[in-house]
Amino acid sequence: MAVDGKVLKGVVRAEGTQVHLLSVFLHGQGVTIAQKEIARKTNEILELRNLLSDVDITGKVVTADALHTQRETARFLVEDKKADYLYPG
């Protein structure tokens, strides 16, 4: 499964801010299984753990872009969620 964040192109709130979503999707099926809007004063790094907290990823491999190459994220995936990860090198 992959974790990726995107700013929705062409979507602007009344106050002028853009909508930023963090999603988890299955590579093979192209299906989004979890999604969360990223609050304006936070970022994807902090929200990845919240997004995956209720998702059963035991034994799965999670991919993410270089932004998520964080020790605490790797620890969360391996120790807390019993999953593996693949980050770009």
N, C-alpha and C. Protein backbone atom coordinates (compact mmCIF):
# COMPACT_ATOMS: atom_id res chain seq x y z
N MET A 1 0.84 -1.16 0.00
CA MET A 1 0.00 0.00 0.00
C MET A 1 0.89 1.23 0.00
N ALA A 2 0.34 2.32 -0.50
CA ALA A 2 1.11 3.56 -0.61
C ALA A 2 0.44 4.67 0.18
N VAL A 3 1.26 5.52 0.77
CA VAL A 3 0.78 6.72 1.44
C VAL A 3 1.27 7.90 0.62
N ASP A 4 0.36 8.80 0.29
CA ASP A 4 0.74 9.96 -0.51
C ASP A 4 -0.17 11.13 -0.19
N GLY A 5 0.40 12.29 -0.21
CA GLY A 5 -0.37 13.52 0.01
C GLY A 5 -0.48 14.31 -1.27
N LYS A 6 -1.61 14.97 -1.42
CA LYS A 6 -1.84 15.80 -2.60
C LYS A 6 -2.64 17.03 -2.22
N VAL A 7 -2.31 18.14 -2.85
CA VAL A 7 -3.13 19.34 -2.76
C VAL A 7 -4.09 19.27 -3.93
N LEU A 8 -5.38 19.44 -3.65
CA LEU A 8 -6.39 19.33 -4.71
C LEU A 8 -6.34 20.55 -5.62
N LYS A 9 -6.00 20.32 -6.85
CA LYS A 9 -5.88 21.39 -7.84
C LYS A 9 -7.25 22.00 -8.13
N GLY A 10 -7.30 23.30 -8.09
CA GLY A 10 -8.53 24.01 -8.42
C GLY A 10 -9.54 24.08 -7.29
N VAL A 11 -9.21 23.51 -6.13
CA VAL A 11 -10.12 23.55 -4.99
C VAL A 11 -9.58 24.56 -3.98
N VAL A 12 -10.32 25.64 -3.80
CA VAL A 12 -9.91 26.69 -2.88
C VAL A 12 -11.09 27.04 -1.98
N ARG A 13 -10.84 27.09 -0.70
CA ARG A 13 -11.89 27.47 0.26
C ARG A 13 -12.18 28.97 0.15
N ALA A 14 -13.27 29.38 0.76
CA ALA A 14 -13.68 30.79 0.73
C ALA A 14 -12.59 31.72 1.27
N GLU A 15 -11.84 31.24 2.27
CA GLU A 15 -10.78 32.09 2.84
C GLU A 15 -9.48 32.03 2.03
N GLY A 16 -9.48 31.26 0.94
CA GLY A 16 -8.33 31.21 0.05
C GLY A 16 -7.38 30.06 0.26
N THR A 17 -7.62 29.20 1.25
CA THR A 17 -6.72 28.08 1.48
C THR A 17 -7.07 26.90 0.58
N GLN A 18 -6.07 26.09 0.30
CA GLN A 18 -6.26 24.90 -0.52
C GLN A 18 -6.55 23.69 0.35
N VAL A 19 -7.10 22.66 -0.26
CA VAL A 19 -7.40 21.41 0.43
C VAL A 19 -6.24 20.45 0.19
N HIS A 20 -5.68 19.92 1.28
CA HIS A 20 -4.55 19.00 1.23
C HIS A 20 -4.99 17.68 1.85
N LEU A 21 -4.91 16.59 1.09
CA LEU A 21 -5.34 15.28 1.56
C LEU A 21 -4.16 14.32 1.65
N LEU A 22 -4.21 13.46 2.65
CA LEU A 22 -3.25 12.37 2.79
C LEU A 22 -4.05 11.09 2.63
N SER A 23 -3.61 10.23 1.73
CA SER A 23 -4.36 9.02 1.40
C SER A 23 -3.50 7.78 1.50
N VAL A 24 -4.17 6.66 1.78
CA VAL A 24 -3.55 5.34 1.72
C VAL A 24 -4.30 4.57 0.64
N PHE A 25 -3.56 4.07 -0.34
CA PHE A 25 -4.23 3.31 -1.40
C PHE A 25 -3.46 2.04 -1.71
N LEU A 26 -4.20 1.09 -2.25
CA LEU A 26 -3.64 -0.21 -2.61
C LEU A 26 -3.06 -0.11 -4.01
N HIS A 27 -1.78 -0.46 -4.16
CA HIS A 27 -1.09 -0.37 -5.44
C HIS A 27 -1.82 -1.13 -6.55
N GLY A 28 -2.05 -2.40 -6.34
CA GLY A 28 -2.60 -3.26 -7.39
C GLY A 28 -4.01 -2.90 -7.81
N GLN A 29 -4.83 -2.54 -6.86
CA GLN A 29 -6.23 -2.26 -7.15
C GLN A 29 -6.50 -0.79 -7.43
N GLY A 30 -5.61 0.09 -7.03
CA GLY A 30 -5.82 1.52 -7.22
C GLY A 30 -6.98 2.04 -6.39
N VAL A 31 -7.18 1.44 -5.21
CA VAL A 31 -8.31 1.78 -4.35
C VAL A 31 -7.81 2.52 -3.11
N THR A 32 -8.44 3.64 -2.80
CA THR A 32 -8.12 4.37 -1.58
C THR A 32 -8.83 3.70 -0.42
N ILE A 33 -8.07 3.35 0.63
CA ILE A 33 -8.67 2.67 1.78
C ILE A 33 -8.76 3.57 3.01
N ALA A 34 -8.05 4.69 3.00
CA ALA A 34 -8.14 5.66 4.09
C ALA A 34 -7.69 7.01 3.56
N GLN A 35 -8.33 8.06 4.07
CA GLN A 35 -7.99 9.40 3.61
C GLN A 35 -8.28 10.39 4.72
N LYS A 36 -7.45 11.42 4.81
CA LYS A 36 -7.59 12.41 5.87
C LYS A 36 -7.17 13.76 5.33
N GLU A 37 -7.95 14.78 5.66
CA GLU A 37 -7.55 16.13 5.29
C GLU A 37 -6.48 16.60 6.27
N ILE A 38 -5.45 17.22 5.73
CA ILE A 38 -4.36 17.73 6.54
C ILE A 38 -4.71 19.16 6.96
N ALA A 39 -4.74 19.38 8.25
CA ALA A 39 -5.06 20.71 8.77
C ALA A 39 -4.00 21.72 8.33
N ARG A 40 -4.41 22.95 8.24
CA ARG A 40 -3.55 24.02 7.73
C ARG A 40 -2.26 24.19 8.51
N LYS A 41 -2.27 23.98 9.80
CA LYS A 41 -1.07 24.24 10.61
C LYS A 41 -0.32 22.97 10.98
N THR A 42 -0.49 21.91 10.22
CA THR A 42 0.26 20.68 10.47
C THR A 42 0.84 20.20 9.15
N ASN A 43 1.34 18.95 9.12
CA ASN A 43 1.91 18.43 7.89
C ASN A 43 1.70 16.92 7.80
N GLU A 44 2.05 16.36 6.68
CA GLU A 44 1.87 14.93 6.42
C GLU A 44 2.64 14.05 7.40
N ILE A 45 3.82 14.47 7.79
CA ILE A 45 4.66 13.64 8.66
C ILE A 45 3.92 13.31 9.96
N LEU A 46 3.34 14.32 10.56
CA LEU A 46 2.62 14.12 11.82
C LEU A 46 1.32 13.35 11.63
N GLU A 47 0.68 13.53 10.50
CA GLU A 47 -0.65 12.94 10.29
C GLU A 47 -0.62 11.50 9.78
N LEU A 48 0.51 11.02 9.28
CA LEU A 48 0.56 9.65 8.77
C LEU A 48 0.18 8.65 9.86
N ARG A 49 0.70 8.83 11.05
CA ARG A 49 0.37 7.91 12.15
C ARG A 49 -1.11 7.96 12.50
N ASN A 50 -1.69 9.15 12.51
CA ASN A 50 -3.13 9.26 12.77
C ASN A 50 -3.95 8.56 11.69
N LEU A 51 -3.54 8.73 10.44
CA LEU A 51 -4.26 8.12 9.32
C LEU A 51 -4.23 6.60 9.41
N LEU A 52 -3.10 6.04 9.76
CA LEU A 52 -2.95 4.58 9.78
C LEU A 52 -3.32 3.93 11.12
N SER A 53 -3.65 4.72 12.10
CA SER A 53 -3.90 4.16 13.43
C SER A 53 -5.04 3.14 13.45
N ASP A 54 -6.06 3.33 12.66
CA ASP A 54 -7.21 2.41 12.65
C ASP A 54 -7.22 1.45 11.46
N VAL A 55 -6.15 1.45 10.68
CA VAL A 55 -6.07 0.59 9.49
C VAL A 55 -5.21 -0.63 9.82
N ASP A 56 -5.73 -1.82 9.55
CA ASP A 56 -4.96 -3.05 9.79
C ASP A 56 -3.95 -3.23 8.66
N ILE A 57 -2.69 -3.00 8.98
CA ILE A 57 -1.63 -3.15 7.97
C ILE A 57 -0.63 -4.23 8.37
N THR A 58 -1.02 -5.08 9.29
CA THR A 58 -0.15 -6.16 9.77
C THR A 58 0.36 -6.98 8.58
N GLY A 59 1.68 -7.11 8.49
CA GLY A 59 2.29 -7.91 7.43
C GLY A 59 2.31 -7.26 6.06
N LYS A 60 1.83 -6.04 5.94
CA LYS A 60 1.81 -5.33 4.65
C LYS A 60 3.08 -4.50 4.50
N VAL A 61 3.37 -4.11 3.27
CA VAL A 61 4.48 -3.20 2.98
C VAL A 61 3.88 -1.84 2.64
N VAL A 62 4.35 -0.82 3.34
CA VAL A 62 3.88 0.54 3.14
C VAL A 62 4.97 1.31 2.41
N THR A 63 4.60 1.95 1.32
CA THR A 63 5.54 2.82 0.60
C THR A 63 5.12 4.27 0.82
N ALA A 64 6.10 5.13 0.79
CA ALA A 64 5.85 6.56 0.95
C ALA A 64 6.99 7.32 0.29
N ASP A 65 6.76 8.60 0.03
CA ASP A 65 7.83 9.38 -0.59
C ASP A 65 8.86 9.80 0.46
N ALA A 66 9.90 10.46 0.00
CA ALA A 66 11.05 10.79 0.86
C ALA A 66 10.67 11.64 2.07
N LEU A 67 9.60 12.40 1.98
CA LEU A 67 9.14 13.21 3.11
C LEU A 67 8.94 12.37 4.36
N HIS A 68 8.53 11.13 4.19
CA HIS A 68 8.19 10.26 5.32
C HIS A 68 9.35 9.40 5.82
N THR A 69 10.55 9.64 5.35
CA THR A 69 11.70 8.86 5.83
C THR A 69 12.12 9.39 7.19
N GLN A 70 11.30 9.09 8.18
CA GLN A 70 11.48 9.54 9.55
C GLN A 70 11.63 8.33 10.47
N ARG A 71 12.52 8.40 11.41
CA ARG A 71 12.72 7.28 12.35
C ARG A 71 11.45 6.93 13.10
N GLU A 72 10.73 7.93 13.58
CA GLU A 72 9.52 7.67 14.35
C GLU A 72 8.44 7.02 13.49
N THR A 73 8.36 7.41 12.23
CA THR A 73 7.39 6.78 11.32
C THR A 73 7.77 5.33 11.08
N ALA A 74 9.04 5.06 10.85
CA ALA A 74 9.51 3.68 10.66
C ALA A 74 9.24 2.84 11.91
N ARG A 75 9.52 3.39 13.08
CA ARG A 75 9.26 2.69 14.32
C ARG A 75 7.77 2.37 14.48
N PHE A 76 6.92 3.35 14.19
CA PHE A 76 5.47 3.17 14.27
C PHE A 76 5.01 2.03 13.36
N LEU A 77 5.50 2.03 12.12
CA LEU A 77 5.08 1.00 11.16
C LEU A 77 5.53 -0.39 11.61
N VAL A 78 6.78 -0.53 12.02
CA VAL A 78 7.33 -1.84 12.35
C VAL A 78 6.89 -2.32 13.73
N GLU A 79 7.04 -1.49 14.73
CA GLU A 79 6.77 -1.94 16.10
C GLU A 79 5.29 -1.88 16.46
N ASP A 80 4.63 -0.77 16.16
CA ASP A 80 3.23 -0.61 16.56
C ASP A 80 2.26 -1.33 15.62
N LYS A 81 2.50 -1.20 14.31
CA LYS A 81 1.55 -1.72 13.33
C LYS A 81 1.96 -3.08 12.75
N LYS A 82 3.16 -3.57 13.08
CA LYS A 82 3.65 -4.87 12.61
C LYS A 82 3.65 -4.96 11.08
N ALA A 83 4.05 -3.87 10.46
CA ALA A 83 4.13 -3.79 9.00
C ALA A 83 5.59 -3.56 8.60
N ASP A 84 5.85 -3.55 7.32
CA ASP A 84 7.16 -3.21 6.78
C ASP A 84 7.01 -1.92 5.99
N TYR A 85 8.14 -1.34 5.63
CA TYR A 85 8.09 -0.10 4.84
C TYR A 85 9.16 -0.14 3.76
N LEU A 86 8.94 0.65 2.75
CA LEU A 86 9.91 0.83 1.67
C LEU A 86 9.96 2.32 1.38
N TYR A 87 11.09 2.92 1.70
CA TYR A 87 11.30 4.34 1.45
C TYR A 87 12.34 4.49 0.35
N PRO A 88 12.28 5.58 -0.43
CA PRO A 88 13.30 5.79 -1.46
C PRO A 88 14.67 6.00 -0.81
N GLY A 89 15.69 5.54 -1.47
CA GLY A 89 17.04 5.65 -0.92
C GLY A 89 17.86 6.70 -1.56
